[in-house]
Protein backbone atom coordinates (compact mmCIF):
# COMPACT_ATOMS: atom_id res chain seq x y z
CA MET A 1 -43.25 -128.57 -42.76
CA ASP A 2 -43.93 -126.76 -39.48
CA LEU A 3 -47.59 -127.51 -38.82
CA ALA A 4 -47.60 -125.40 -35.65
CA LYS A 5 -47.23 -122.27 -37.79
CA LYS A 6 -50.33 -123.09 -39.84
CA ARG A 7 -53.92 -122.18 -38.98
CA CYS A 8 -56.94 -124.47 -38.90
CA VAL A 9 -59.52 -123.69 -41.57
CA PRO A 10 -63.26 -124.22 -41.12
CA CYS A 11 -64.37 -127.65 -42.25
CA GLU A 12 -67.94 -128.49 -43.10
CA GLY A 13 -69.54 -131.85 -43.70
CA GLY A 14 -68.90 -133.04 -47.23
CA THR A 15 -65.16 -132.40 -46.99
CA LYS A 16 -63.25 -135.50 -48.07
CA PRO A 17 -61.68 -137.34 -45.10
CA MET A 18 -57.92 -137.85 -45.12
CA GLY A 19 -56.81 -141.24 -46.44
CA LYS A 20 -54.58 -143.64 -44.48
CA THR A 21 -51.47 -142.88 -46.56
CA GLU A 22 -51.80 -139.14 -46.11
CA ALA A 23 -52.59 -139.57 -42.39
CA ALA A 24 -49.43 -141.66 -41.94
CA LYS A 25 -47.39 -138.90 -43.62
CA TYR A 26 -48.78 -136.24 -41.29
CA LEU A 27 -48.47 -138.48 -38.24
CA ARG A 28 -44.69 -138.50 -38.71
CA LEU A 29 -44.78 -134.71 -38.19
CA VAL A 30 -46.44 -134.84 -34.75
CA ASP A 31 -44.33 -136.73 -32.21
CA LYS A 32 -46.02 -138.84 -29.55
CA TRP A 33 -49.40 -138.99 -31.31
CA GLY A 34 -50.79 -142.32 -32.45
CA LEU A 35 -53.31 -143.30 -35.07
CA ASN A 36 -56.42 -144.90 -33.62
CA GLY A 37 -58.81 -145.74 -36.46
CA SER A 38 -59.92 -142.43 -37.93
CA LYS A 39 -58.57 -140.42 -34.99
CA ILE A 40 -55.22 -139.47 -33.47
CA THR A 41 -54.56 -139.69 -29.74
CA ARG A 42 -51.95 -138.75 -27.20
CA GLU A 43 -51.74 -139.30 -23.45
CA ILE A 44 -49.59 -137.14 -21.21
CA LYS A 45 -48.70 -137.76 -17.56
CA PHE A 46 -48.10 -134.79 -15.27
CA LYS A 47 -46.48 -134.40 -11.86
CA ASN A 48 -49.79 -133.52 -10.21
CA PHE A 49 -53.44 -132.59 -10.76
CA LYS A 50 -52.73 -128.85 -10.84
CA GLN A 51 -50.30 -129.23 -13.77
CA ALA A 52 -52.71 -131.50 -15.63
CA LEU A 53 -55.57 -129.05 -15.19
CA SER A 54 -53.40 -126.11 -16.25
CA PHE A 55 -52.45 -128.01 -19.40
CA VAL A 56 -56.13 -128.68 -20.17
CA ASP A 57 -56.83 -124.95 -19.83
CA ARG A 58 -54.00 -124.09 -22.24
CA VAL A 59 -55.22 -126.68 -24.76
CA GLY A 60 -58.68 -125.17 -24.48
CA ALA A 61 -57.35 -121.70 -25.27
CA ILE A 62 -55.51 -122.97 -28.35
CA ALA A 63 -58.55 -124.94 -29.49
CA GLU A 64 -60.78 -121.87 -29.20
CA SER A 65 -58.34 -119.68 -31.11
CA GLU A 66 -58.14 -122.28 -33.89
CA GLY A 67 -61.87 -123.08 -33.92
CA HIS A 68 -60.99 -126.77 -33.75
CA HIS A 69 -61.65 -128.74 -30.58
CA PRO A 70 -60.20 -132.01 -29.26
CA ASP A 71 -61.88 -134.50 -27.01
CA ILE A 72 -60.12 -134.09 -23.64
CA TYR A 73 -60.15 -136.61 -20.83
CA LEU A 74 -58.46 -135.77 -17.50
CA HIS A 75 -58.16 -138.96 -15.46
CA SER A 76 -56.20 -140.67 -12.70
CA TRP A 77 -55.59 -137.20 -11.18
CA ASN A 78 -52.51 -136.50 -13.34
CA ARG A 79 -53.12 -137.85 -16.85
CA VAL A 80 -54.66 -136.17 -19.87
CA ARG A 81 -55.77 -138.09 -22.95
CA LEU A 82 -56.42 -136.07 -26.09
CA THR A 83 -58.29 -137.34 -29.12
CA LEU A 84 -58.39 -135.39 -32.37
CA TYR A 85 -60.55 -135.84 -35.42
CA THR A 86 -62.67 -133.50 -37.46
CA HIS A 87 -66.14 -133.91 -36.00
CA ALA A 88 -67.92 -132.52 -39.09
CA ILE A 89 -66.62 -135.38 -41.25
CA GLY A 90 -66.08 -138.02 -38.56
CA ALA A 91 -62.49 -138.55 -39.70
CA LEU A 92 -59.09 -136.90 -39.93
CA SER A 93 -58.25 -133.67 -41.73
CA VAL A 94 -55.14 -131.50 -41.81
CA ASN A 95 -56.68 -129.43 -38.99
CA ASP A 96 -56.18 -132.32 -36.58
CA PHE A 97 -52.46 -132.44 -37.22
CA ILE A 98 -52.13 -128.66 -37.03
CA LEU A 99 -53.77 -128.69 -33.60
CA ALA A 100 -51.67 -131.69 -32.51
CA ALA A 101 -48.50 -129.77 -33.42
CA LYS A 102 -49.65 -126.73 -31.45
CA ILE A 103 -50.46 -128.93 -28.46
CA ASN A 104 -47.02 -130.55 -28.69
CA ASN A 105 -45.49 -127.09 -28.34
CA ILE A 106 -47.05 -126.64 -24.90
CA ALA A 107 -46.81 -130.23 -23.62
């Protein structure tokens, strides 16, 4: 299953959060992401601040086009930590893994 070819769909509160078994299945499809409670995270180290900031801008563009937004933390001048979960339900949904796959394509 190529998640990067899928599109995020709007999610409202009341949508059932993804269970641990299903999350583990999807996690195998997005390299370098880890499960952290009801969220997935990835940290990427860049050569310099300019590359890290450029990456953040590209993630932002993807997030806007998908209507699904990660928490982004640029720190230590060359590291970016991304956290994904569906804010409306406070847990994981398929959208998180779709966005993770799209981010992997630009990382």
